Each structure stands twice: as C-alpha cells, then as structure tokens.
Amino acid sequence: MTSQSGRGASPRPSPTPRYHERVPALELTHERMDLPFKGAWTISRGTRRAAENVLVRLRWRALDGREVEGLGEAAPYAFYGEVRGTVEACLDEFSGLLGDDPFAIDAIMQRVEARIRHNTGAKAAIDLALHDLVGKLLGQPLWRLWGLDPILSPVTSFSIGLDEPEEMARKARDAAAFPILKIKLGTVRDLDIMEAIRDAVPGHRLVVDANAAWTPKQAVRRILDLRDFKIDFVEQPVAADDLDGLRYVRERSSFPIIADESCATEEDIPRLAGCVDGVNVKLMKCGGLRRARRLIAAARAHHLTVMGGCLIESSLAITAAAHLLPLLDYADLDGHLHLAQDPFDGVSCEGGKLTLPERPGIGVVAR
C-alpha cells in the first residue's frame, strides 16, 4: 500500500472553505423613528406625546445569493435608563459583534450582553432583527418555528391613560370593543375615576395599574376601596424596588398582584416569588424575544401567572411580542393602537383578539 506521503500518493484535496470565509458579515444600520401619539399619554410618572424610537435594519447575503433584511425596534424609556441617544450609541458599539451567522442568535446576544450592561431596549432591537431575519431565511413566522398555536392566545386589554374622570370614562366607552380595559391610577381621584369608568362600561372586565405610585399602606386602602369594582388584578401598586411592600400588599389584597417595574429579566423571578402572583414581560425591559422566553419559563417554574406587556411601540415591536401570546395568561399589547400613524402593518386586532400574521419572521411590512 502506498503511503499518503509517498511518491504515488494522491494529492490532498484543498480544504473546504470555512463558513466564515465565504459568508458576508451581518450589516447593521439604524434610523430614528418618531411616533406621535393620538393624544397626550399620562400615567402616574408624567405625560408623553410622542415616542422617540429607533428602527434597526440587519442585512445579510445568504449562500444562495439572496439579500435578506431583518427589522428590529428599540423603544427607549427614561425610567429604564435609556434615551434615543444611548440606544444609538449602543447600536454602533454592537455592530462589530454580530459576526456572519444570523442563526447563532444565542452566541451573538451573549456577546452583545457582555459588551454593555443594561440598555435592554437597544439589545431588544438587535434580538428582534435577528429573529426576523432567521424567520425570513426559513420562510416561516416565528410562532410556527417555535411550535406554538395562535388559537391559544389571550385577548389584549386596552389601556386608558390618566385624565379627568369624565374624560377617562369617555375613552372607556370609545374602547368598549375591547373586553378588558386597563385603567391607569395613582392620583388622589382614583375612586372617582373608577366610579366614572364602571358607570361607562358596567359589564367590562377591568384591571388597574398604579405604576408604582402608592405606598404599601395606601395600596392596601385603595384595594379595599376597589373591591366593589370587580377588577381582575392590580399591577405594580408600590415602588419597583420595594419587594417587602409588594409582599405586604399581596398578603392583604383580595385581588392578584402583578409585578411590572419590579420585573425586568428572568433573574428577578426567584426574589419575586412569594411577593406577587404574576409578572409582566416586556421585550424592552428584558432585552428581546430570547430573554422573554427565558423569563416566561422561569415564571412558570415559580408558579406565577404571566402577562405580556409593551411600551408605546409601532406594530413592529408589538407584533414581535405577539408571537409569544400562546405562552401568556394575559396580554396588554396595545401600544401601537395609541399612535397617530403606525409605520408598519403586522398583527391585527379586532375586539381585543390579536391575529398573528402568516408572513415569515416577525411578519411586518411597511405601510
């Protein structure tokens, strides 16, 4: 037998080019996306009239020559430590960490998360764009790739921002097509608000959200006063970092207590167990779909109910979050419905029922 190194040996074939040597790197660009509201939006922390969001485009040339673009959105919110400028700076920093394999979402996001702490809205935009890109490359919507059944999706609530009680009652009547209304509270007129709204929509399911406006003792008194209004649950009654206060309220409440501002990522779940009955998952708080699914799994492991929420976002981010609907108990995905003009077409909503698109990836198209 002739040795491979001998005179009669066949020449060795050239090594196959490595994947990263023949596939272009992911290319990230971003642009500002101003989203004026239909009207002033007020909660206990203040009033806003527009969202200063950021649109991310992630482009990649596939092996078959196709150029595919994934879309993501960041909705920075100062309460969570982000503004548009910090998002843009983070995205510029992240652009060199993406590599050349869009399917390596976990590895990419680990690099992104290791580079800069916090800034979860910027990270969510990258995460959304990667998921959108992968879904488009595979020709399937995310919910189908995840093996979920949209029929199991809960309806979404519609939020009524703070205003004069009569105006909030009018808005509640205008939103009567939604079977569940979320009422923002946190003022000295909370009971006047609830009375006006209950008179306006006597048969509707109601939830209330104080956005951390009450002290624990105030919350207990408010909840006692709310017993006659037959609400489903109370969201974030006390300050985000007051876990003892949350536990105090929960032990004295006749309604379930849901944590929102107190819960950002899956790492918060163990310390919240026993303090609340459920958590509100938001893509912009946790850093995207990858972390949202982890948060949901952690909440389930601790026997907590799970709500899917949002900030004021376009249909791009709302539709991304809506792919998680079959995993949720409650939904509050109405941010796009408060916009004067939505730049994207995605999930549709009729009578609170959200219908996921069949288009691949996140499934949105520009209007």
Protein backbone atom coordinates (compact mmCIF):
# COMPACT_ATOMS: atom_id res chain seq x y z
CA MET A 1 0.00 0.00 0.00
CA THR A 2 1.33 3.37 -0.93
CA SER A 3 1.75 5.87 1.88
CA GLN A 4 -0.17 9.12 1.61
CA SER A 5 3.15 10.87 1.92
CA GLY A 6 4.91 8.73 -0.69
CA ARG A 7 5.57 9.39 -4.35
CA GLY A 8 2.41 7.66 -5.51
CA ALA A 9 0.08 9.38 -3.11
CA SER A 10 -2.97 11.14 -4.48
CA PRO A 11 -2.87 14.87 -3.97
CA ARG A 12 -4.81 16.03 -0.95
CA PRO A 13 -7.96 17.94 -1.80
CA SER A 14 -7.99 21.59 -0.92
CA PRO A 15 -9.71 22.15 2.42
CA THR A 16 -13.31 23.27 2.21
CA PRO A 17 -13.52 27.00 2.88
CA ARG A 18 -14.66 27.67 6.40
CA TYR A 19 -18.15 29.10 6.84
CA HIS A 20 -16.95 32.49 7.95
CA GLU A 21 -14.62 32.78 4.96
CA ARG A 22 -17.39 32.58 2.40
CA VAL A 23 -20.34 34.25 4.09
CA PRO A 24 -20.56 38.04 4.41
CA ALA A 25 -20.84 39.58 7.85
CA LEU A 26 -24.15 40.85 9.14
CA GLU A 27 -24.58 44.54 8.39
CA LEU A 28 -26.43 46.74 10.88
CA THR A 29 -27.89 50.17 10.21
CA HIS A 30 -30.32 52.20 12.29
CA GLU A 31 -32.53 55.21 11.86
CA ARG A 32 -34.75 57.38 14.02
CA MET A 33 -38.46 56.62 14.13
CA ASP A 34 -40.64 59.39 15.60
CA LEU A 35 -44.06 58.14 16.67
CA PRO A 36 -46.55 60.88 17.67
CA PHE A 37 -49.47 59.73 19.83
CA LYS A 38 -53.13 60.29 19.09
CA GLY A 39 -53.23 62.41 22.23
CA ALA A 40 -51.33 63.03 25.43
CA TRP A 41 -50.46 59.82 27.28
CA THR A 42 -50.36 60.22 31.05
CA ILE A 43 -49.51 57.80 33.84
CA SER A 44 -48.55 58.50 37.46
CA ARG A 45 -44.95 59.34 36.43
CA GLY A 46 -45.82 62.01 33.87
CA THR A 47 -47.09 62.80 30.38
CA ARG A 48 -45.70 62.00 26.94
CA ARG A 49 -46.92 63.00 23.49
CA ALA A 50 -44.60 61.01 21.24
CA ALA A 51 -42.20 58.07 21.33
CA GLU A 52 -38.65 58.61 20.10
CA ASN A 53 -37.95 55.07 18.93
CA VAL A 54 -35.17 53.61 16.78
CA LEU A 55 -35.55 51.28 13.79
CA VAL A 56 -32.82 48.68 13.19
CA ARG A 57 -32.10 47.03 9.85
CA LEU A 58 -29.96 43.90 9.77
CA ARG A 59 -28.88 42.77 6.29
CA TRP A 60 -27.24 39.52 5.25
CA ARG A 61 -26.44 37.84 1.94
CA ALA A 62 -27.40 34.16 2.04
CA LEU A 63 -25.42 31.40 0.37
CA ASP A 64 -27.95 31.27 -2.45
CA GLY A 65 -27.30 34.94 -3.23
CA ARG A 66 -30.45 36.34 -1.59
CA GLU A 67 -30.12 39.57 0.29
CA VAL A 68 -32.40 39.38 3.32
CA GLU A 69 -33.21 42.13 5.80
CA GLY A 70 -34.38 41.67 9.38
CA LEU A 71 -36.10 44.51 11.23
CA GLY A 72 -35.96 45.44 14.91
CA GLU A 73 -37.21 48.28 17.08
CA ALA A 74 -35.99 49.94 20.25
CA ALA A 75 -38.44 51.91 22.38
CA PRO A 76 -36.20 53.77 24.85
CA TYR A 77 -37.80 54.90 28.08
CA ALA A 78 -36.01 57.11 30.58
CA PHE A 79 -37.49 55.23 33.56
CA TYR A 80 -35.47 52.21 32.45
CA GLY A 81 -32.34 54.30 31.90
CA GLU A 82 -32.48 54.71 28.14
CA VAL A 83 -32.98 57.59 25.74
CA ARG A 84 -32.64 57.62 21.98
CA GLY A 85 -29.02 58.79 22.10
CA THR A 86 -27.91 55.93 24.34
CA VAL A 87 -29.68 53.43 22.10
CA GLU A 88 -27.91 54.78 19.03
CA ALA A 89 -24.53 54.70 20.78
CA CYS A 90 -25.10 51.11 21.89
CA LEU A 91 -26.14 50.00 18.41
CA ASP A 92 -22.96 51.46 16.95
CA GLU A 93 -20.99 49.54 19.56
CA PHE A 94 -22.89 46.31 18.86
CA SER A 95 -22.47 46.45 15.09
CA GLY A 96 -18.99 44.92 15.24
CA LEU A 97 -20.11 41.97 17.39
CA LEU A 98 -22.63 40.35 15.06
CA GLY A 99 -20.41 38.02 13.04
CA ASP A 100 -21.58 36.25 9.91
CA ASP A 101 -24.12 33.65 11.08
CA PRO A 102 -27.62 35.02 11.77
CA PHE A 103 -28.71 31.64 13.12
CA ALA A 104 -26.23 31.95 16.03
CA ILE A 105 -28.65 34.16 17.95
CA ASP A 106 -27.60 32.96 21.39
CA ALA A 107 -23.89 33.50 20.74
CA ILE A 108 -24.49 36.92 19.19
CA MET A 109 -26.66 38.10 22.06
CA GLN A 110 -24.17 36.81 24.62
CA ARG A 111 -21.51 39.00 23.01
CA VAL A 112 -23.89 41.96 22.92
CA GLU A 113 -24.93 41.49 26.56
CA ALA A 114 -21.31 41.17 27.67
CA ARG A 115 -20.23 44.39 25.96
CA ILE A 116 -22.57 46.85 27.73
CA ARG A 117 -24.69 46.42 30.85
CA HIS A 118 -28.39 47.30 30.90
CA ASN A 119 -29.60 49.18 27.76
CA THR A 120 -32.16 46.45 27.13
CA GLY A 121 -34.10 48.42 24.52
CA ALA A 122 -31.05 48.56 22.26
CA LYS A 123 -30.43 44.86 22.84
CA ALA A 124 -34.07 44.07 22.10
CA ALA A 125 -33.78 45.79 18.71
CA ILE A 126 -30.84 43.52 17.77
CA ASP A 127 -32.66 40.44 19.06
CA LEU A 128 -35.83 41.27 17.10
CA ALA A 129 -33.91 41.90 13.90
CA LEU A 130 -32.09 38.55 14.23
CA HIS A 131 -35.32 36.63 14.81
CA ASP A 132 -36.97 38.42 11.90
CA LEU A 133 -34.02 37.62 9.65
CA VAL A 134 -33.94 33.93 10.58
CA GLY A 135 -37.68 33.56 10.05
CA LYS A 136 -37.40 35.16 6.63
CA LEU A 137 -34.49 32.91 5.68
CA LEU A 138 -36.53 29.86 6.65
CA GLY A 139 -39.76 31.21 5.17
CA GLN A 140 -41.79 30.77 8.39
CA PRO A 141 -43.35 33.05 11.02
CA LEU A 142 -41.76 32.86 14.45
CA TRP A 143 -44.79 31.31 16.16
CA ARG A 144 -44.62 28.39 13.75
CA LEU A 145 -40.86 27.95 14.17
CA TRP A 146 -41.46 27.79 17.92
CA GLY A 147 -44.26 25.25 17.50
CA LEU A 148 -46.91 27.46 19.10
CA ASP A 149 -50.66 27.50 18.46
CA PRO A 150 -52.10 31.02 17.99
CA ILE A 151 -55.57 29.74 18.85
CA LEU A 152 -54.44 29.63 22.48
CA SER A 153 -53.71 33.38 22.56
CA PRO A 154 -55.42 35.54 25.21
CA VAL A 155 -57.14 38.75 24.16
CA THR A 156 -55.37 42.02 24.76
CA SER A 157 -56.54 44.70 27.14
CA PHE A 158 -56.70 48.35 26.11
CA SER A 159 -55.14 50.95 28.40
CA ILE A 160 -56.85 54.15 29.49
CA GLY A 161 -54.31 56.82 30.47
CA LEU A 162 -54.78 59.23 33.35
CA ASP A 163 -57.06 62.20 32.76
CA GLU A 164 -60.13 63.79 34.31
CA PRO A 165 -62.58 61.05 35.40
CA GLU A 166 -65.18 62.13 32.82
CA GLU A 167 -62.62 62.03 30.00
CA MET A 168 -61.35 58.62 31.07
CA ALA A 169 -64.96 57.38 31.11
CA ARG A 170 -65.42 58.70 27.56
CA LYS A 171 -62.26 56.89 26.43
CA ALA A 172 -63.51 53.73 28.09
CA ARG A 173 -66.79 53.95 26.15
CA ASP A 174 -64.82 54.52 22.93
CA ALA A 175 -62.79 51.38 23.68
CA ALA A 176 -65.83 49.26 24.54
CA ALA A 177 -64.98 46.80 21.76
CA PHE A 178 -62.16 45.53 24.00
CA PRO A 179 -63.47 43.10 26.63
CA ILE A 180 -60.71 44.07 29.10
CA LEU A 181 -59.68 47.64 29.94
CA LYS A 182 -56.57 48.56 31.90
CA ILE A 183 -57.13 51.68 33.99
CA LYS A 184 -54.17 53.80 34.97
CA LEU A 185 -54.39 55.03 38.56
CA GLY A 186 -52.10 56.72 41.07
CA THR A 187 -53.85 60.02 41.88
CA VAL A 188 -55.99 61.44 44.68
CA ARG A 189 -59.01 60.89 42.39
CA ASP A 190 -58.59 57.15 41.89
CA LEU A 191 -62.03 56.26 43.25
CA ASP A 192 -63.72 58.99 41.20
CA ILE A 193 -62.01 57.56 38.13
CA MET A 194 -63.13 54.02 38.86
CA GLU A 195 -66.71 55.08 39.55
CA ALA A 196 -66.89 57.04 36.29
CA ILE A 197 -65.44 54.16 34.28
CA ARG A 198 -67.58 51.48 35.89
CA ASP A 199 -70.66 53.57 35.11
CA ALA A 200 -69.47 53.97 31.50
CA VAL A 201 -68.73 50.26 30.90
CA PRO A 202 -70.65 48.33 33.57
CA GLY A 203 -70.08 44.87 32.12
CA HIS A 204 -66.40 45.10 31.23
CA ARG A 205 -63.51 43.33 32.89
CA LEU A 206 -61.15 45.88 34.44
CA VAL A 207 -57.55 45.78 35.64
CA VAL A 208 -55.80 48.67 37.37
CA ASP A 209 -52.20 49.82 37.13
CA ALA A 210 -50.74 52.29 39.62
CA ASN A 211 -47.27 52.35 38.01
CA ALA A 212 -45.64 52.22 41.46
CA ALA A 213 -47.49 55.34 42.70
CA TRP A 214 -48.77 54.08 46.08
CA THR A 215 -47.08 53.34 49.37
CA PRO A 216 -47.83 49.85 50.70
CA LYS A 217 -50.39 51.16 53.20
CA GLN A 218 -52.02 53.37 50.57
CA ALA A 219 -52.19 50.37 48.25
CA VAL A 220 -53.96 48.25 50.85
CA ARG A 221 -56.52 51.01 51.45
CA ARG A 222 -57.03 51.54 47.71
CA ILE A 223 -57.51 47.84 47.09
CA LEU A 224 -60.09 47.65 49.89
CA ASP A 225 -61.93 50.53 48.22
CA LEU A 226 -61.72 48.75 44.84
CA ARG A 227 -63.46 45.57 46.00
CA ASP A 228 -66.85 46.67 44.70
CA PHE A 229 -65.46 47.36 41.19
CA LYS A 230 -64.76 43.66 40.48
CA ILE A 231 -61.32 44.01 38.94
CA ASP A 232 -59.16 41.13 37.69
CA PHE A 233 -55.84 42.19 39.24
CA VAL A 234 -53.71 45.12 40.40
CA GLU A 235 -50.47 45.90 38.59
CA GLN A 236 -47.39 47.34 40.31
CA PRO A 237 -49.02 49.05 43.30
CA VAL A 238 -45.75 50.12 45.01
CA ALA A 239 -42.20 51.19 44.14
CA ALA A 240 -40.22 48.85 41.91
CA ASP A 241 -37.54 48.05 44.48
CA ASP A 242 -39.94 47.61 47.42
CA LEU A 243 -40.30 43.84 47.46
CA ASP A 244 -41.29 43.83 51.12
CA GLY A 245 -44.01 46.31 50.20
CA LEU A 246 -45.23 44.06 47.41
CA ARG A 247 -45.40 41.13 49.81
CA TYR A 248 -47.22 43.27 52.39
CA VAL A 249 -49.83 44.31 49.81
CA ARG A 250 -50.26 40.82 48.39
CA GLU A 251 -50.89 39.32 51.83
CA ARG A 252 -53.71 41.83 52.37
CA SER A 253 -55.16 42.02 48.87
CA SER A 254 -58.34 40.37 47.64
CA PHE A 255 -57.01 40.70 44.07
CA PRO A 256 -53.91 39.15 42.45
CA ILE A 257 -50.84 41.41 42.34
CA ILE A 258 -48.79 41.62 39.12
CA ALA A 259 -45.24 42.99 39.06
CA ASP A 260 -44.21 45.19 36.16
CA GLU A 261 -41.50 47.70 37.05
CA SER A 262 -40.17 45.21 39.63
CA CYS A 263 -39.56 42.55 36.98
CA ALA A 264 -37.14 43.01 34.09
CA THR A 265 -35.39 39.69 33.38
CA GLU A 266 -35.57 36.05 34.42
CA GLU A 267 -33.04 36.81 37.17
CA ASP A 268 -35.74 38.78 39.02
CA ILE A 269 -38.16 35.86 39.27
CA PRO A 270 -36.78 33.98 42.31
CA ARG A 271 -36.86 37.09 44.52
CA LEU A 272 -40.38 37.99 43.36
CA ALA A 273 -41.83 34.56 44.07
CA GLY A 274 -43.96 34.89 47.18
CA CYS A 275 -44.21 38.67 46.79
CA VAL A 276 -46.57 38.73 43.79
CA ASP A 277 -48.95 36.48 41.89
CA GLY A 278 -47.61 37.21 38.42
CA VAL A 279 -45.24 39.24 36.27
CA ASN A 280 -45.48 41.49 33.22
CA VAL A 281 -42.99 40.58 30.48
CA LYS A 282 -41.89 43.35 28.12
CA LEU A 283 -39.37 42.98 25.32
CA MET A 284 -37.86 46.40 26.03
CA LYS A 285 -37.31 45.53 29.71
CA CYS A 286 -35.76 42.09 29.27
CA GLY A 287 -33.80 42.58 26.03
CA GLY A 288 -35.83 40.81 23.35
CA LEU A 289 -37.60 37.58 22.48
CA ARG A 290 -34.78 35.28 23.60
CA ARG A 291 -34.77 36.66 27.13
CA ALA A 292 -38.57 36.96 27.19
CA ARG A 293 -38.95 33.23 26.63
CA ARG A 294 -36.49 32.56 29.44
CA LEU A 295 -38.42 34.91 31.72
CA ILE A 296 -41.70 33.15 30.92
CA ALA A 297 -40.16 29.75 31.65
CA ALA A 298 -38.74 30.98 34.97
CA ALA A 299 -42.09 32.46 35.95
CA ARG A 300 -43.88 29.19 35.16
CA ALA A 301 -41.32 27.27 37.23
CA HIS A 302 -42.21 29.50 40.19
CA HIS A 303 -45.98 29.12 39.61
CA LEU A 304 -46.51 32.74 38.60
CA THR A 305 -49.03 33.92 36.03
CA VAL A 306 -47.55 35.70 33.02
CA MET A 307 -48.71 38.84 31.27
CA GLY A 308 -47.22 40.22 28.06
CA GLY A 309 -46.92 43.99 28.00
CA CYS A 310 -45.36 46.77 25.96
CA LEU A 311 -44.36 50.40 25.82
CA ILE A 312 -45.64 52.75 23.14
CA GLU A 313 -44.22 50.97 20.10
CA SER A 314 -45.00 50.50 16.44
CA SER A 315 -46.54 47.32 15.08
CA LEU A 316 -43.01 46.03 14.53
CA ALA A 317 -42.23 45.51 18.22
CA ILE A 318 -45.86 44.78 19.13
CA THR A 319 -46.10 42.02 16.53
CA ALA A 320 -42.80 40.57 17.74
CA ALA A 321 -44.21 40.38 21.28
CA ALA A 322 -47.48 38.95 19.95
CA HIS A 323 -45.65 35.81 18.77
CA LEU A 324 -45.38 34.96 22.49
CA LEU A 325 -49.17 35.14 23.01
CA PRO A 326 -49.79 31.37 23.24
CA LEU A 327 -47.39 31.29 26.21
CA LEU A 328 -49.25 34.01 28.15
CA ASP A 329 -52.16 34.22 30.59
CA TYR A 330 -52.85 37.91 29.95
CA ALA A 331 -51.88 40.37 27.23
CA ASP A 332 -51.58 44.13 27.18
CA LEU A 333 -50.20 44.64 23.67
CA ASP A 334 -51.91 47.84 22.63
CA GLY A 335 -49.02 50.32 22.32
CA HIS A 336 -49.40 50.65 18.55
CA LEU A 337 -53.08 51.50 18.93
CA HIS A 338 -52.19 54.78 20.65
CA LEU A 339 -50.17 56.06 17.68
CA ALA A 340 -51.37 58.78 15.34
CA GLN A 341 -49.80 56.82 12.50
CA ASP A 342 -48.25 53.36 12.58
CA PRO A 343 -45.41 52.90 10.04
CA PHE A 344 -45.87 49.11 9.90
CA ASP A 345 -48.62 46.61 9.24
CA GLY A 346 -48.40 43.47 11.35
CA VAL A 347 -50.62 41.86 13.95
CA SER A 348 -54.28 42.76 13.51
CA CYS A 349 -56.70 43.45 16.35
CA GLU A 350 -60.47 43.12 16.41
CA GLY A 351 -62.43 43.21 19.64
CA GLY A 352 -59.23 42.61 21.60
CA LYS A 353 -58.37 39.48 19.60
CA LEU A 354 -54.88 39.71 18.13
CA THR A 355 -54.34 37.75 14.92
CA LEU A 356 -50.75 36.89 14.09
CA PRO A 357 -49.54 37.32 10.50
CA GLU A 358 -48.61 34.34 8.34
CA ARG A 359 -45.71 36.25 6.78
CA PRO A 360 -42.23 34.93 7.66
CA GLY A 361 -40.18 36.23 10.55
CA ILE A 362 -41.93 38.83 12.70
CA GLY A 363 -44.29 39.28 9.78
CA VAL A 364 -44.50 43.07 9.39
CA VAL A 365 -44.38 45.16 6.23
CA ALA A 366 -44.00 48.90 5.86
CA ARG A 367 -47.23 50.79 5.21
